[in-house]
Amino acid sequence: MSAQGVQRRLALVFAPGPDRIVSNSYFEAGTVVRLPDRTWLNLYEPGTVRRLLDAAAPALDTQPSVQNLEVDGWPYFAEVVDHANVAESHT
């Protein structure tokens, strides 16, 4: 719930496109892939959606009057993957 007591919904949309694959048969179900580096996320893997929603949550502030907000998930994919890569390089 928001501070005003209104429930809101944030939907991340992963549309296929150039250099972007959304699994529908070849990869595991729930997998989204960024080409050409072949970086991928499985949306069914524990914690993945939570990390994406945490990264995308500030988008709710950009349109405070919209109850159901749909945003492109790919920029948040990059943020989550790039953050994970930085964390791995420090271990």
N, C-alpha and C. Protein backbone atom coordinates (compact mmCIF):
# COMPACT_ATOMS: atom_id res chain seq x y z
N MET A 1 0.83 -1.19 0.00
CA MET A 1 0.00 0.00 0.00
C MET A 1 0.87 1.24 0.00
N SER A 2 0.38 2.25 -0.65
CA SER A 2 1.11 3.52 -0.65
C SER A 2 0.81 4.27 0.63
N ALA A 3 1.46 5.39 0.82
CA ALA A 3 1.28 6.18 2.03
C ALA A 3 -0.16 6.66 2.17
N GLN A 4 -0.87 6.83 1.06
CA GLN A 4 -2.25 7.31 1.09
C GLN A 4 -3.24 6.17 1.30
N GLY A 5 -2.77 4.92 1.49
CA GLY A 5 -3.65 3.79 1.72
C GLY A 5 -4.25 3.22 0.44
N VAL A 6 -3.71 3.58 -0.71
CA VAL A 6 -4.22 3.09 -1.99
C VAL A 6 -3.29 2.00 -2.50
N GLN A 7 -3.87 0.86 -2.85
CA GLN A 7 -3.04 -0.21 -3.41
C GLN A 7 -2.70 0.12 -4.85
N ARG A 8 -1.46 -0.19 -5.23
CA ARG A 8 -1.00 0.06 -6.60
C ARG A 8 -0.35 -1.20 -7.14
N ARG A 9 -0.30 -1.29 -8.45
CA ARG A 9 0.27 -2.46 -9.11
C ARG A 9 1.33 -2.00 -10.10
N LEU A 10 2.51 -2.61 -10.03
CA LEU A 10 3.59 -2.33 -10.95
C LEU A 10 3.84 -3.58 -11.77
N ALA A 11 3.65 -3.49 -13.08
CA ALA A 11 3.88 -4.63 -13.97
C ALA A 11 5.09 -4.36 -14.85
N LEU A 12 6.03 -5.31 -14.83
CA LEU A 12 7.21 -5.22 -15.68
C LEU A 12 6.94 -6.05 -16.93
N VAL A 13 7.07 -5.43 -18.08
CA VAL A 13 6.78 -6.10 -19.35
C VAL A 13 8.09 -6.39 -20.07
N PHE A 14 8.31 -7.66 -20.39
CA PHE A 14 9.48 -8.07 -21.15
C PHE A 14 9.00 -8.49 -22.54
N ALA A 15 9.10 -7.57 -23.48
CA ALA A 15 8.68 -7.86 -24.86
C ALA A 15 9.89 -8.33 -25.66
N PRO A 16 9.70 -9.34 -26.52
CA PRO A 16 10.81 -9.75 -27.37
C PRO A 16 11.13 -8.63 -28.37
N GLY A 17 12.35 -8.58 -28.80
CA GLY A 17 12.76 -7.57 -29.76
C GLY A 17 14.19 -7.83 -30.19
N PRO A 18 14.76 -6.88 -30.93
CA PRO A 18 16.15 -7.04 -31.34
C PRO A 18 17.04 -7.22 -30.11
N ASP A 19 17.83 -8.25 -30.12
CA ASP A 19 18.74 -8.54 -29.01
C ASP A 19 18.05 -8.87 -27.69
N ARG A 20 16.76 -9.26 -27.76
CA ARG A 20 16.01 -9.60 -26.55
C ARG A 20 15.14 -10.81 -26.83
N ILE A 21 15.29 -11.83 -25.99
CA ILE A 21 14.51 -13.06 -26.17
C ILE A 21 13.68 -13.30 -24.91
N VAL A 22 12.43 -13.65 -25.13
CA VAL A 22 11.55 -14.06 -24.05
C VAL A 22 11.24 -15.53 -24.31
N SER A 23 11.58 -16.38 -23.36
CA SER A 23 11.42 -17.82 -23.55
C SER A 23 9.98 -18.19 -23.83
N ASN A 24 9.83 -19.05 -24.84
CA ASN A 24 8.53 -19.67 -25.03
C ASN A 24 8.69 -21.12 -25.46
N SER A 25 9.94 -21.57 -25.62
CA SER A 25 10.15 -23.00 -25.86
C SER A 25 11.61 -23.42 -25.73
N TYR A 26 12.53 -22.72 -26.35
CA TYR A 26 13.92 -23.17 -26.40
C TYR A 26 14.60 -23.10 -25.03
N PHE A 27 14.41 -22.00 -24.32
CA PHE A 27 15.00 -21.82 -23.00
C PHE A 27 14.02 -22.29 -21.94
N GLU A 28 14.49 -22.38 -20.68
CA GLU A 28 13.61 -22.73 -19.57
C GLU A 28 12.46 -21.73 -19.49
N ALA A 29 11.30 -22.19 -19.05
CA ALA A 29 10.16 -21.30 -18.86
C ALA A 29 10.55 -20.17 -17.91
N GLY A 30 10.10 -18.98 -18.22
CA GLY A 30 10.38 -17.83 -17.37
C GLY A 30 11.71 -17.16 -17.61
N THR A 31 12.41 -17.56 -18.66
CA THR A 31 13.74 -17.00 -18.92
C THR A 31 13.65 -15.84 -19.91
N VAL A 32 14.35 -14.76 -19.60
CA VAL A 32 14.51 -13.64 -20.51
C VAL A 32 16.01 -13.50 -20.77
N VAL A 33 16.38 -13.25 -22.04
CA VAL A 33 17.78 -13.26 -22.44
C VAL A 33 18.11 -11.97 -23.17
N ARG A 34 19.25 -11.37 -22.82
CA ARG A 34 19.77 -10.20 -23.52
C ARG A 34 20.91 -10.67 -24.41
N LEU A 35 20.80 -10.38 -25.69
CA LEU A 35 21.86 -10.71 -26.64
C LEU A 35 22.61 -9.42 -26.95
N PRO A 36 23.80 -9.40 -27.42
CA PRO A 36 24.64 -10.52 -27.83
C PRO A 36 25.46 -11.12 -26.69
N ASP A 37 25.39 -10.57 -25.47
CA ASP A 37 26.22 -11.12 -24.38
C ASP A 37 25.62 -12.36 -23.73
N ARG A 38 24.42 -12.74 -24.15
CA ARG A 38 23.73 -13.95 -23.67
C ARG A 38 23.50 -13.95 -22.16
N THR A 39 23.34 -12.78 -21.62
CA THR A 39 23.00 -12.66 -20.21
C THR A 39 21.53 -12.99 -20.04
N TRP A 40 21.21 -13.73 -18.99
CA TRP A 40 19.82 -14.14 -18.83
C TRP A 40 19.39 -14.10 -17.37
N LEU A 41 18.08 -14.02 -17.19
CA LEU A 41 17.46 -14.13 -15.88
C LEU A 41 16.29 -15.10 -16.01
N ASN A 42 16.11 -15.92 -14.99
CA ASN A 42 14.92 -16.78 -14.95
C ASN A 42 13.98 -16.15 -13.92
N LEU A 43 12.82 -15.73 -14.38
CA LEU A 43 11.87 -15.03 -13.52
C LEU A 43 11.26 -15.95 -12.45
N TYR A 44 11.42 -17.26 -12.62
CA TYR A 44 10.93 -18.21 -11.62
C TYR A 44 11.96 -18.51 -10.54
N GLU A 45 13.18 -18.06 -10.73
CA GLU A 45 14.23 -18.31 -9.75
C GLU A 45 13.99 -17.44 -8.51
N PRO A 46 14.10 -18.03 -7.32
CA PRO A 46 13.83 -17.27 -6.10
C PRO A 46 14.64 -15.97 -6.02
N GLY A 47 13.95 -14.89 -5.70
CA GLY A 47 14.61 -13.60 -5.52
C GLY A 47 14.71 -12.75 -6.77
N THR A 48 14.55 -13.32 -7.94
CA THR A 48 14.73 -12.55 -9.19
C THR A 48 13.69 -11.46 -9.32
N VAL A 49 12.43 -11.80 -9.16
CA VAL A 49 11.37 -10.81 -9.32
C VAL A 49 11.47 -9.75 -8.23
N ARG A 50 11.83 -10.15 -7.02
CA ARG A 50 12.00 -9.18 -5.93
C ARG A 50 13.06 -8.14 -6.29
N ARG A 51 14.20 -8.60 -6.84
CA ARG A 51 15.27 -7.67 -7.24
C ARG A 51 14.79 -6.74 -8.36
N LEU A 52 14.02 -7.28 -9.31
CA LEU A 52 13.49 -6.45 -10.39
C LEU A 52 12.51 -5.41 -9.86
N LEU A 53 11.61 -5.83 -8.98
CA LEU A 53 10.64 -4.89 -8.41
C LEU A 53 11.32 -3.82 -7.56
N ASP A 54 12.33 -4.21 -6.80
CA ASP A 54 13.07 -3.22 -6.01
C ASP A 54 13.73 -2.18 -6.91
N ALA A 55 14.28 -2.64 -8.04
CA ALA A 55 14.92 -1.71 -8.99
C ALA A 55 13.90 -0.81 -9.66
N ALA A 56 12.70 -1.34 -9.93
CA ALA A 56 11.69 -0.59 -10.67
C ALA A 56 10.76 0.24 -9.79
N ALA A 57 10.75 0.01 -8.49
CA ALA A 57 9.82 0.70 -7.59
C ALA A 57 9.83 2.23 -7.73
N PRO A 58 10.98 2.87 -7.94
CA PRO A 58 10.95 4.33 -8.11
C PRO A 58 10.09 4.79 -9.30
N ALA A 59 9.81 3.92 -10.25
CA ALA A 59 8.95 4.28 -11.38
C ALA A 59 7.55 4.64 -10.91
N LEU A 60 7.12 4.09 -9.78
CA LEU A 60 5.80 4.42 -9.24
C LEU A 60 5.71 5.90 -8.87
N ASP A 61 6.83 6.48 -8.45
CA ASP A 61 6.85 7.89 -8.08
C ASP A 61 6.70 8.82 -9.27
N THR A 62 7.03 8.34 -10.47
CA THR A 62 6.95 9.19 -11.65
C THR A 62 5.50 9.42 -12.10
N GLN A 63 4.61 8.51 -11.72
CA GLN A 63 3.19 8.64 -12.08
C GLN A 63 2.34 8.29 -10.86
N PRO A 64 2.32 9.15 -9.86
CA PRO A 64 1.66 8.81 -8.60
C PRO A 64 0.15 8.60 -8.69
N SER A 65 -0.50 9.10 -9.73
CA SER A 65 -1.96 8.95 -9.82
C SER A 65 -2.38 7.69 -10.58
N VAL A 66 -1.42 6.97 -11.16
CA VAL A 66 -1.74 5.75 -11.91
C VAL A 66 -1.76 4.57 -10.95
N GLN A 67 -2.90 3.88 -10.89
CA GLN A 67 -3.03 2.75 -9.97
C GLN A 67 -2.33 1.50 -10.51
N ASN A 68 -2.45 1.23 -11.82
CA ASN A 68 -1.82 0.06 -12.45
C ASN A 68 -0.80 0.57 -13.47
N LEU A 69 0.45 0.50 -13.12
CA LEU A 69 1.52 1.04 -13.96
C LEU A 69 2.27 -0.10 -14.64
N GLU A 70 2.35 -0.03 -15.97
CA GLU A 70 3.13 -0.98 -16.77
C GLU A 70 4.36 -0.28 -17.28
N VAL A 71 5.52 -0.91 -17.07
CA VAL A 71 6.78 -0.34 -17.55
C VAL A 71 7.59 -1.40 -18.27
N ASP A 72 8.47 -0.95 -19.14
CA ASP A 72 9.38 -1.84 -19.84
C ASP A 72 10.33 -2.46 -18.81
N GLY A 73 10.40 -3.78 -18.77
CA GLY A 73 11.24 -4.46 -17.80
C GLY A 73 12.71 -4.52 -18.16
N TRP A 74 13.04 -4.31 -19.44
CA TRP A 74 14.43 -4.48 -19.88
C TRP A 74 15.43 -3.55 -19.20
N PRO A 75 15.12 -2.27 -18.97
CA PRO A 75 16.11 -1.43 -18.26
C PRO A 75 16.40 -1.95 -16.85
N TYR A 76 15.39 -2.54 -16.20
CA TYR A 76 15.58 -3.07 -14.86
C TYR A 76 16.32 -4.40 -14.91
N PHE A 77 16.13 -5.15 -15.98
CA PHE A 77 16.92 -6.36 -16.23
C PHE A 77 18.39 -5.97 -16.20
N ALA A 78 18.74 -4.93 -16.96
CA ALA A 78 20.14 -4.48 -17.04
C ALA A 78 20.65 -4.05 -15.67
N GLU A 79 19.84 -3.33 -14.92
CA GLU A 79 20.26 -2.87 -13.60
C GLU A 79 20.52 -4.05 -12.66
N VAL A 80 19.63 -5.03 -12.65
CA VAL A 80 19.78 -6.19 -11.77
C VAL A 80 20.98 -7.03 -12.17
N VAL A 81 21.12 -7.30 -13.47
CA VAL A 81 22.23 -8.13 -13.95
C VAL A 81 23.56 -7.43 -13.74
N ASP A 82 23.63 -6.16 -14.08
CA ASP A 82 24.89 -5.42 -13.94
C ASP A 82 25.28 -5.30 -12.46
N HIS A 83 24.31 -5.11 -11.58
CA HIS A 83 24.58 -5.05 -10.15
C HIS A 83 25.10 -6.40 -9.65
N ALA A 84 24.49 -7.49 -10.10
CA ALA A 84 24.93 -8.83 -9.70
C ALA A 84 26.35 -9.10 -10.19
N ASN A 85 26.66 -8.65 -11.41
CA ASN A 85 28.01 -8.85 -11.95
C ASN A 85 29.05 -8.09 -11.14
N VAL A 86 28.72 -6.89 -10.70
CA VAL A 86 29.63 -6.10 -9.86
C VAL A 86 29.83 -6.79 -8.53
N ALA A 87 28.74 -7.28 -7.94
CA ALA A 87 28.83 -7.96 -6.65
C ALA A 87 29.69 -9.22 -6.75
N GLU A 88 29.54 -9.98 -7.84
CA GLU A 88 30.33 -11.19 -8.03
C GLU A 88 31.80 -10.88 -8.21
N SER A 89 32.11 -9.77 -8.87
CA SER A 89 33.51 -9.43 -9.09
C SER A 89 34.21 -8.99 -7.81
N HIS A 90 33.44 -8.62 -6.80
CA HIS A 90 34.01 -8.21 -5.52
C HIS A 90 34.13 -9.37 -4.52
N THR A 91 33.70 -10.55 -4.92
CA THR A 91 33.80 -11.69 -3.99
C THR A 91 34.95 -12.58 -4.32
